[in-house]
């Protein structure tokens, strides 16, 4: 907080000085007008430079985020290559074929995710594995999802963020290694997101919460014309959103 106040004073020191002079100047109405104009010009100037600084800082933070993502992707690619090299050394060519098929399927899913009209949704889905590093996370979607409107995509992103944040809170103290699968599909007039959680040994992780927790989650999801329910045995959540008209 002290640093923020210091930065504000450093940025607007001239404006503050002029405002002080405005109240103490002995030149009457003419002095008030001169100090008023000088203060206004100084305020506009410091505001402009603050905007430029904030924009520059935002660009640097975004570049740093992209740098981290690229680093993670490079690390993942090297892991895949090492796995295949291990299979080659062990002369298990059949394993290489199966592994490459899995890799190709993952690439197809990522291509479909990248085709959403609303770029923030595509980026969010493609980077979920980096956001939730403590989960073994997989995302899949059906071809029908390509038909939803951009408005539906925006609502899906908002509701999905709420559901995932709720789940992360519920699973915060889970000690088992968690595998989380997100499945996107369209059923009749609904966009459906299923989030299924599995722990070590294929054991299902239950997500039962208090009644108040559920009411709060339902109230929040309702803002985007949706509903959220437990899947069978509490092994995950099913989010349903009413769709708008389809894309032309």
C-alpha atoms as a PDB file:
ATOM      1  CA  UNK A   1       0.000   0.000   0.000  1.00  0.00           C
ATOM      2  CA  UNK A   2       2.871   2.383   0.888  1.00  0.00           C
ATOM      3  CA  UNK A   3       4.536   1.695  -2.438  1.00  0.00           C
ATOM      4  CA  UNK A   4       1.321   2.384  -4.312  1.00  0.00           C
ATOM      5  CA  UNK A   5       0.873   5.699  -2.498  1.00  0.00           C
ATOM      6  CA  UNK A   6       4.487   6.630  -3.222  1.00  0.00           C
ATOM      7  CA  UNK A   7       4.029   5.848  -6.915  1.00  0.00           C
ATOM      8  CA  UNK A   8       0.892   7.999  -7.022  1.00  0.00           C
ATOM      9  CA  UNK A   9       2.699  10.924  -5.366  1.00  0.00           C
ATOM     10  CA  UNK A  10       5.653  10.490  -7.705  1.00  0.00           C
ATOM     11  CA  UNK A  11       3.408  10.550 -10.758  1.00  0.00           C
ATOM     12  CA  UNK A  12       1.226  13.483  -9.679  1.00  0.00           C
ATOM     13  CA  UNK A  13       3.746  15.561  -7.686  1.00  0.00           C
ATOM     14  CA  UNK A  14       3.475  18.547 -10.032  1.00  0.00           C
ATOM     15  CA  UNK A  15      -0.328  18.502  -9.927  1.00  0.00           C
ATOM     16  CA  UNK A  16      -0.293  18.344  -6.114  1.00  0.00           C
ATOM     17  CA  UNK A  17       2.198  21.212  -5.981  1.00  0.00           C
ATOM     18  CA  UNK A  18       0.097  23.351  -8.302  1.00  0.00           C
ATOM     19  CA  UNK A  19      -3.068  22.628  -6.315  1.00  0.00           C
ATOM     20  CA  UNK A  20      -1.282  23.766  -3.170  1.00  0.00           C
ATOM     21  CA  UNK A  21      -0.174  26.931  -4.952  1.00  0.00           C
ATOM     22  CA  UNK A  22      -3.717  27.465  -6.213  1.00  0.00           C
ATOM     23  CA  UNK A  23      -5.066  27.694  -2.657  1.00  0.00           C
ATOM     24  CA  UNK A  24      -2.211  29.859  -1.358  1.00  0.00           C
ATOM     25  CA  UNK A  25      -1.563  32.173  -4.320  1.00  0.00           C
ATOM     26  CA  UNK A  26      -1.977  35.923  -3.610  1.00  0.00           C
ATOM     27  CA  UNK A  27      -2.961  37.028  -7.138  1.00  0.00           C
ATOM     28  CA  UNK A  28      -6.749  36.919  -6.822  1.00  0.00           C
ATOM     29  CA  UNK A  29      -9.029  35.789  -9.655  1.00  0.00           C
ATOM     30  CA  UNK A  30      -6.320  36.006 -12.314  1.00  0.00           C
ATOM     31  CA  UNK A  31      -4.042  33.786 -10.222  1.00  0.00           C
ATOM     32  CA  UNK A  32      -6.858  31.297  -9.625  1.00  0.00           C
ATOM     33  CA  UNK A  33      -7.455  31.041 -13.371  1.00  0.00           C
ATOM     34  CA  UNK A  34      -3.759  30.576 -14.150  1.00  0.00           C
ATOM     35  CA  UNK A  35      -3.294  27.928 -11.448  1.00  0.00           C
ATOM     36  CA  UNK A  36      -6.534  26.218 -12.482  1.00  0.00           C
ATOM     37  CA  UNK A  37      -5.358  25.904 -16.093  1.00  0.00           C
ATOM     38  CA  UNK A  38      -1.881  24.814 -15.028  1.00  0.00           C
ATOM     39  CA  UNK A  39      -3.343  22.201 -12.666  1.00  0.00           C
ATOM     40  CA  UNK A  40      -5.678  20.928 -15.377  1.00  0.00           C
ATOM     41  CA  UNK A  41      -2.852  20.623 -17.911  1.00  0.00           C
ATOM     42  CA  UNK A  42      -0.634  18.910 -15.343  1.00  0.00           C
ATOM     43  CA  UNK A  43      -3.428  16.496 -14.389  1.00  0.00           C
ATOM     44  CA  UNK A  44      -4.083  15.575 -18.021  1.00  0.00           C
ATOM     45  CA  UNK A  45      -0.372  15.127 -18.660  1.00  0.00           C
ATOM     46  CA  UNK A  46       0.223  12.928 -15.612  1.00  0.00           C
ATOM     47  CA  UNK A  47      -2.903  10.929 -16.441  1.00  0.00           C
ATOM     48  CA  UNK A  48      -1.610  10.314 -19.965  1.00  0.00           C
ATOM     49  CA  UNK A  49       1.809   9.199 -18.747  1.00  0.00           C
ATOM     50  CA  UNK A  50       0.146   6.963 -16.125  1.00  0.00           C
ATOM     51  CA  UNK A  51      -1.897   5.355 -18.903  1.00  0.00           C
ATOM     52  CA  UNK A  52       1.223   4.798 -21.034  1.00  0.00           C
ATOM     53  CA  UNK A  53       3.056   3.290 -18.054  1.00  0.00           C
ATOM     54  CA  UNK A  54       0.124   0.989 -17.183  1.00  0.00           C
ATOM     55  CA  UNK A  55      -0.180  -0.108 -20.806  1.00  0.00           C
ATOM     56  CA  UNK A  56       3.546  -0.844 -20.995  1.00  0.00           C
ATOM     57  CA  UNK A  57       3.401  -2.798 -17.741  1.00  0.00           C
ATOM     58  CA  UNK A  58       0.398  -4.795 -18.982  1.00  0.00           C
ATOM     59  CA  UNK A  59       2.282  -5.655 -22.196  1.00  0.00           C
ATOM     60  CA  UNK A  60       5.309  -6.796 -20.201  1.00  0.00           C
ATOM     61  CA  UNK A  61       3.139  -8.966 -17.939  1.00  0.00           C
ATOM     62  CA  UNK A  62       1.377 -10.495 -20.954  1.00  0.00           C
ATOM     63  CA  UNK A  63       4.739 -11.174 -22.614  1.00  0.00           C
ATOM     64  CA  UNK A  64       5.956 -12.852 -19.426  1.00  0.00           C
ATOM     65  CA  UNK A  65       2.806 -14.996 -19.301  1.00  0.00           C
ATOM     66  CA  UNK A  66       3.272 -16.047 -22.947  1.00  0.00           C
ATOM     67  CA  UNK A  67       6.939 -16.791 -22.246  1.00  0.00           C
ATOM     68  CA  UNK A  68       5.950 -19.126 -19.403  1.00  0.00           C
ATOM     69  CA  UNK A  69       3.333 -20.855 -21.571  1.00  0.00           C
ATOM     70  CA  UNK A  70       5.824 -21.409 -24.401  1.00  0.00           C
ATOM     71  CA  UNK A  71       8.313 -22.770 -21.891  1.00  0.00           C
ATOM     72  CA  UNK A  72       5.702 -25.244 -20.605  1.00  0.00           C
ATOM     73  CA  UNK A  73       4.805 -26.285 -24.160  1.00  0.00           C
ATOM     74  CA  UNK A  74       8.479 -26.858 -24.991  1.00  0.00           C
ATOM     75  CA  UNK A  75       8.853 -28.920 -21.820  1.00  0.00           C
ATOM     76  CA  UNK A  76       5.800 -31.023 -22.733  1.00  0.00           C
ATOM     77  CA  UNK A  77       7.108 -31.572 -26.287  1.00  0.00           C
ATOM     78  CA  UNK A  78      10.485 -32.725 -24.951  1.00  0.00           C
ATOM     79  CA  UNK A  79       8.731 -35.141 -22.584  1.00  0.00           C
ATOM     80  CA  UNK A  80       6.826 -36.657 -25.535  1.00  0.00           C
ATOM     81  CA  UNK A  81      10.041 -37.001 -27.540  1.00  0.00           C
ATOM     82  CA  UNK A  82      11.820 -38.667 -24.613  1.00  0.00           C
ATOM     83  CA  UNK A  83       8.964 -41.155 -24.210  1.00  0.00           C
ATOM     84  CA  UNK A  84       9.160 -42.112 -27.898  1.00  0.00           C
ATOM     85  CA  UNK A  85      12.968 -42.376 -27.740  1.00  0.00           C
ATOM     86  CA  UNK A  86      12.545 -44.735 -24.799  1.00  0.00           C
ATOM     87  CA  UNK A  87      10.173 -46.900 -26.831  1.00  0.00           C
ATOM     88  CA  UNK A  88      12.684 -46.929 -29.726  1.00  0.00           C
ATOM     89  CA  UNK A  89      15.496 -48.014 -27.423  1.00  0.00           C
ATOM     90  CA  UNK A  90      13.277 -50.806 -26.072  1.00  0.00           C
ATOM     91  CA  UNK A  91      12.229 -51.710 -29.642  1.00  0.00           C
ATOM     92  CA  UNK A  92       8.544 -51.240 -28.772  1.00  0.00           C
ATOM     93  CA  UNK A  93       7.406 -49.836 -32.118  1.00  0.00           C
ATOM     94  CA  UNK A  94       3.778 -50.751 -31.411  1.00  0.00           C
ATOM     95  CA  UNK A  95       3.834 -48.433 -28.390  1.00  0.00           C
ATOM     96  CA  UNK A  96       5.180 -45.598 -30.581  1.00  0.00           C
ATOM     97  CA  UNK A  97       2.230 -45.913 -32.957  1.00  0.00           C
ATOM     98  CA  UNK A  98      -0.295 -45.850 -30.125  1.00  0.00           C
ATOM     99  CA  UNK A  99       1.472 -42.919 -28.479  1.00  0.00           C
ATOM    100  CA  UNK A 100       1.542 -40.921 -31.730  1.00  0.00           C
ATOM    101  CA  UNK A 101      -2.163 -41.603 -32.255  1.00  0.00           C
ATOM    102  CA  UNK A 102      -2.874 -40.156 -28.803  1.00  0.00           C
ATOM    103  CA  UNK A 103      -0.720 -37.138 -29.617  1.00  0.00           C
ATOM    104  CA  UNK A 104      -2.549 -36.589 -32.926  1.00  0.00           C
ATOM    105  CA  UNK A 105      -5.938 -36.838 -31.188  1.00  0.00           C
ATOM    106  CA  UNK A 106      -4.838 -34.251 -28.633  1.00  0.00           C
ATOM    107  CA  UNK A 107      -3.718 -31.943 -31.459  1.00  0.00           C
ATOM    108  CA  UNK A 108      -7.123 -32.325 -33.153  1.00  0.00           C
ATOM    109  CA  UNK A 109      -8.906 -31.398 -29.920  1.00  0.00           C
ATOM    110  CA  UNK A 110      -6.693 -28.339 -29.454  1.00  0.00           C
ATOM    111  CA  UNK A 111      -7.367 -27.281 -33.057  1.00  0.00           C
ATOM    112  CA  UNK A 112     -11.117 -27.423 -32.438  1.00  0.00           C
ATOM    113  CA  UNK A 113     -10.758 -25.446 -29.210  1.00  0.00           C
ATOM    114  CA  UNK A 114      -8.777 -22.771 -31.042  1.00  0.00           C
ATOM    115  CA  UNK A 115     -11.646 -22.305 -33.531  1.00  0.00           C
ATOM    116  CA  UNK A 116     -14.021 -20.701 -31.012  1.00  0.00           C
ATOM    117  CA  UNK A 117     -15.035 -17.226 -32.174  1.00  0.00           C
ATOM    118  CA  UNK A 118     -14.543 -15.687 -28.742  1.00  0.00           C
ATOM    119  CA  UNK A 119     -10.758 -15.707 -28.388  1.00  0.00           C
ATOM    120  CA  UNK A 120     -10.701 -15.484 -24.539  1.00  0.00           C
ATOM    121  CA  UNK A 121     -12.647 -18.763 -24.348  1.00  0.00           C
ATOM    122  CA  UNK A 122     -10.235 -20.508 -26.738  1.00  0.00           C
ATOM    123  CA  UNK A 123      -7.221 -19.210 -24.817  1.00  0.00           C
ATOM    124  CA  UNK A 124      -8.750 -20.185 -21.454  1.00  0.00           C
ATOM    125  CA  UNK A 125      -9.450 -23.764 -22.590  1.00  0.00           C
ATOM    126  CA  UNK A 126      -6.050 -24.199 -24.253  1.00  0.00           C
ATOM    127  CA  UNK A 127      -4.185 -22.963 -21.172  1.00  0.00           C
ATOM    128  CA  UNK A 128      -6.219 -24.675 -18.435  1.00  0.00           C
ATOM    129  CA  UNK A 129      -3.497 -27.273 -17.941  1.00  0.00           C
ATOM    130  CA  UNK A 130      -1.096 -24.459 -17.061  1.00  0.00           C
ATOM    131  CA  UNK A 131      -3.606 -22.732 -14.804  1.00  0.00           C
ATOM    132  CA  UNK A 132      -4.309 -25.937 -12.846  1.00  0.00           C
ATOM    133  CA  UNK A 133      -0.839 -27.486 -12.782  1.00  0.00           C
ATOM    134  CA  UNK A 134      -1.743 -29.681  -9.810  1.00  0.00           C
ATOM    135  CA  UNK A 135      -4.330 -31.556 -11.920  1.00  0.00           C
ATOM    136  CA  UNK A 136      -3.784 -33.992 -14.760  1.00  0.00           C
ATOM    137  CA  UNK A 137      -6.249 -32.106 -16.927  1.00  0.00           C
ATOM    138  CA  UNK A 138      -7.774 -33.139 -20.269  1.00  0.00           C
ATOM    139  CA  UNK A 139     -10.226 -31.164 -22.422  1.00  0.00           C
ATOM    140  CA  UNK A 140     -12.402 -32.587 -25.188  1.00  0.00           C
ATOM    141  CA  UNK A 141     -15.242 -31.159 -27.239  1.00  0.00           C
ATOM    142  CA  UNK A 142     -17.758 -32.412 -29.763  1.00  0.00           C
ATOM    143  CA  UNK A 143     -18.046 -31.092 -33.315  1.00  0.00           C
ATOM    144  CA  UNK A 144     -21.504 -29.669 -32.521  1.00  0.00           C
ATOM    145  CA  UNK A 145     -19.906 -27.043 -30.288  1.00  0.00           C
ATOM    146  CA  UNK A 146     -18.687 -25.216 -33.398  1.00  0.00           C
ATOM    147  CA  UNK A 147     -22.282 -24.151 -34.059  1.00  0.00           C
ATOM    148  CA  UNK A 148     -22.834 -22.098 -30.898  1.00  0.00           C
ATOM    149  CA  UNK A 149     -22.934 -18.300 -31.062  1.00  0.00           C
ATOM    150  CA  UNK A 150     -20.277 -15.948 -29.763  1.00  0.00           C
ATOM    151  CA  UNK A 151     -22.702 -14.800 -27.053  1.00  0.00           C
ATOM    152  CA  UNK A 152     -22.972 -18.432 -25.881  1.00  0.00           C
ATOM    153  CA  UNK A 153     -19.196 -18.700 -25.879  1.00  0.00           C
ATOM    154  CA  UNK A 154     -18.913 -15.631 -23.638  1.00  0.00           C
ATOM    155  CA  UNK A 155     -21.478 -17.020 -21.190  1.00  0.00           C
ATOM    156  CA  UNK A 156     -19.757 -20.404 -21.229  1.00  0.00           C
ATOM    157  CA  UNK A 157     -16.419 -18.824 -20.280  1.00  0.00           C
ATOM    158  CA  UNK A 158     -17.950 -16.893 -17.377  1.00  0.00           C
ATOM    159  CA  UNK A 159     -19.855 -19.900 -16.013  1.00  0.00           C
ATOM    160  CA  UNK A 160     -16.910 -22.270 -16.550  1.00  0.00           C
ATOM    161  CA  UNK A 161     -14.577 -20.018 -14.549  1.00  0.00           C
ATOM    162  CA  UNK A 162     -17.043 -19.990 -11.647  1.00  0.00           C
ATOM    163  CA  UNK A 163     -17.466 -23.781 -11.679  1.00  0.00           C
ATOM    164  CA  UNK A 164     -13.730 -24.475 -11.892  1.00  0.00           C
ATOM    165  CA  UNK A 165     -12.966 -22.009  -9.093  1.00  0.00           C
ATOM    166  CA  UNK A 166     -15.643 -23.727  -6.956  1.00  0.00           C
ATOM    167  CA  UNK A 167     -14.158 -27.137  -7.705  1.00  0.00           C
ATOM    168  CA  UNK A 168     -10.616 -25.989  -7.005  1.00  0.00           C
ATOM    169  CA  UNK A 169     -11.736 -24.792  -3.591  1.00  0.00           C
ATOM    170  CA  UNK A 170     -13.469 -28.095  -2.863  1.00  0.00           C
ATOM    171  CA  UNK A 171     -10.443 -30.129  -3.944  1.00  0.00           C
ATOM    172  CA  UNK A 172      -7.825 -27.933  -2.273  1.00  0.00           C
ATOM    173  CA  UNK A 173      -7.168 -30.439   0.526  1.00  0.00           C
ATOM    174  CA  UNK A 174      -7.390 -33.566  -1.626  1.00  0.00           C
ATOM    175  CA  UNK A 175      -4.103 -35.481  -1.207  1.00  0.00           C
ATOM    176  CA  UNK A 176      -4.587 -37.936  -4.068  1.00  0.00           C
ATOM    177  CA  UNK A 177      -3.254 -37.207  -7.549  1.00  0.00           C
ATOM    178  CA  UNK A 178      -6.267 -35.934  -9.460  1.00  0.00           C
ATOM    179  CA  UNK A 179      -7.171 -36.526 -13.074  1.00  0.00           C
ATOM    180  CA  UNK A 180      -9.753 -33.973 -14.289  1.00  0.00           C
ATOM    181  CA  UNK A 181     -11.605 -34.333 -17.601  1.00  0.00           C
ATOM    182  CA  UNK A 182     -13.599 -31.470 -19.129  1.00  0.00           C
ATOM    183  CA  UNK A 183     -16.061 -32.498 -21.840  1.00  0.00           C
ATOM    184  CA  UNK A 184     -17.846 -29.875 -23.952  1.00  0.00           C
ATOM    185  CA  UNK A 185     -20.909 -30.868 -25.945  1.00  0.00           C
ATOM    186  CA  UNK A 186     -24.288 -29.654 -27.134  1.00  0.00           C
ATOM    187  CA  UNK A 187     -27.492 -31.407 -26.074  1.00  0.00           C
ATOM    188  CA  UNK A 188     -30.689 -30.113 -27.660  1.00  0.00           C
ATOM    189  CA  UNK A 189     -30.809 -26.395 -26.794  1.00  0.00           C
ATOM    190  CA  UNK A 190     -28.119 -26.595 -24.121  1.00  0.00           C
ATOM    191  CA  UNK A 191     -24.378 -26.140 -24.073  1.00  0.00           C
ATOM    192  CA  UNK A 192     -23.079 -28.765 -21.650  1.00  0.00           C
ATOM    193  CA  UNK A 193     -19.818 -28.839 -19.734  1.00  0.00           C
ATOM    194  CA  UNK A 194     -19.064 -31.986 -17.739  1.00  0.00           C
ATOM    195  CA  UNK A 195     -16.156 -31.933 -15.310  1.00  0.00           C
ATOM    196  CA  UNK A 196     -15.233 -35.389 -14.022  1.00  0.00           C
ATOM    197  CA  UNK A 197     -12.649 -35.963 -11.298  1.00  0.00           C
ATOM    198  CA  UNK A 198     -10.739 -39.211 -10.689  1.00  0.00           C
ATOM    199  CA  UNK A 199      -8.114 -39.860  -8.019  1.00  0.00           C
ATOM    200  CA  UNK A 200      -5.294 -42.425  -7.839  1.00  0.00           C
ATOM    201  CA  UNK A 201      -6.422 -45.982  -8.395  1.00  0.00           C
ATOM    202  CA  UNK A 202      -9.445 -44.839 -10.461  1.00  0.00           C
ATOM    203  CA  UNK A 203     -11.252 -43.844  -7.279  1.00  0.00           C
ATOM    204  CA  UNK A 204     -13.912 -41.202  -7.772  1.00  0.00           C
ATOM    205  CA  UNK A 205     -13.633 -37.993  -5.790  1.00  0.00           C
ATOM    206  CA  UNK A 206     -16.936 -36.790  -4.411  1.00  0.00           C
ATOM    207  CA  UNK A 207     -17.790 -33.108  -4.590  1.00  0.00           C
ATOM    208  CA  UNK A 208     -20.689 -32.974  -2.157  1.00  0.00           C
ATOM    209  CA  UNK A 209     -20.789 -29.609  -0.429  1.00  0.00           C
ATOM    210  CA  UNK A 210     -22.966 -27.787   2.045  1.00  0.00           C
ATOM    211  CA  UNK A 211     -26.440 -26.640   1.055  1.00  0.00           C
ATOM    212  CA  UNK A 212     -25.308 -23.015   1.229  1.00  0.00           C
ATOM    213  CA  UNK A 213     -22.364 -23.728  -1.070  1.00  0.00           C
ATOM    214  CA  UNK A 214     -24.700 -25.240  -3.631  1.00  0.00           C
ATOM    215  CA  UNK A 215     -27.189 -22.396  -3.418  1.00  0.00           C
ATOM    216  CA  UNK A 216     -24.406 -19.875  -3.972  1.00  0.00           C
ATOM    217  CA  UNK A 217     -23.079 -21.809  -6.962  1.00  0.00           C
ATOM    218  CA  UNK A 218     -26.550 -22.140  -8.473  1.00  0.00           C
ATOM    219  CA  UNK A 219     -27.295 -18.429  -7.971  1.00  0.00           C
ATOM    220  CA  UNK A 220     -24.063 -17.493  -9.711  1.00  0.00           C
ATOM    221  CA  UNK A 221     -24.549 -19.878 -12.651  1.00  0.00           C
ATOM    222  CA  UNK A 222     -28.140 -18.634 -13.092  1.00  0.00           C
ATOM    223  CA  UNK A 223     -26.751 -15.240 -14.140  1.00  0.00           C
ATOM    224  CA  UNK A 224     -25.763 -16.883 -17.419  1.00  0.00           C
ATOM    225  CA  UNK A 225     -29.046 -18.778 -17.876  1.00  0.00           C
ATOM    226  CA  UNK A 226     -27.568 -21.988 -16.615  1.00  0.00           C
ATOM    227  CA  UNK A 227     -27.808 -24.710 -14.015  1.00  0.00           C
ATOM    228  CA  UNK A 228     -25.210 -26.900 -12.343  1.00  0.00           C
ATOM    229  CA  UNK A 229     -25.722 -30.352 -10.866  1.00  0.00           C
ATOM    230  CA  UNK A 230     -23.672 -33.202  -9.453  1.00  0.00           C
ATOM    231  CA  UNK A 231     -22.964 -36.105 -11.767  1.00  0.00           C
ATOM    232  CA  UNK A 232     -23.776 -39.599 -10.535  1.00  0.00           C
ATOM    233  CA  UNK A 233     -22.102 -40.511  -7.238  1.00  0.00           C
ATOM    234  CA  UNK A 234     -20.764 -36.974  -6.958  1.00  0.00           C
ATOM    235  CA  UNK A 235     -17.832 -37.754  -9.259  1.00  0.00           C
ATOM    236  CA  UNK A 236     -18.074 -34.411 -11.040  1.00  0.00           C
ATOM    237  CA  UNK A 237     -20.240 -31.492 -12.087  1.00  0.00           C
ATOM    238  CA  UNK A 238     -22.516 -30.980 -15.055  1.00  0.00           C
ATOM    239  CA  UNK A 239     -23.045 -27.390 -16.201  1.00  0.00           C
ATOM    240  CA  UNK A 240     -25.895 -26.676 -18.636  1.00  0.00           C
ATOM    241  CA  UNK A 241     -26.471 -23.327 -20.373  1.00  0.00           C
ATOM    242  CA  UNK A 242     -29.440 -22.409 -22.550  1.00  0.00           C
ATOM    243  CA  UNK A 243     -28.179 -21.464 -26.018  1.00  0.00           C
ATOM    244  CA  UNK A 244     -29.014 -18.415 -28.124  1.00  0.00           C
ATOM    245  CA  UNK A 245     -29.583 -18.727 -31.851  1.00  0.00           C
ATOM    246  CA  UNK A 246     -26.940 -20.682 -33.692  1.00  0.00           C
ATOM    247  CA  UNK A 247     -24.167 -19.093 -35.735  1.00  0.00           C
ATOM    248  CA  UNK A 248     -25.035 -18.273 -39.284  1.00  0.00           C
END
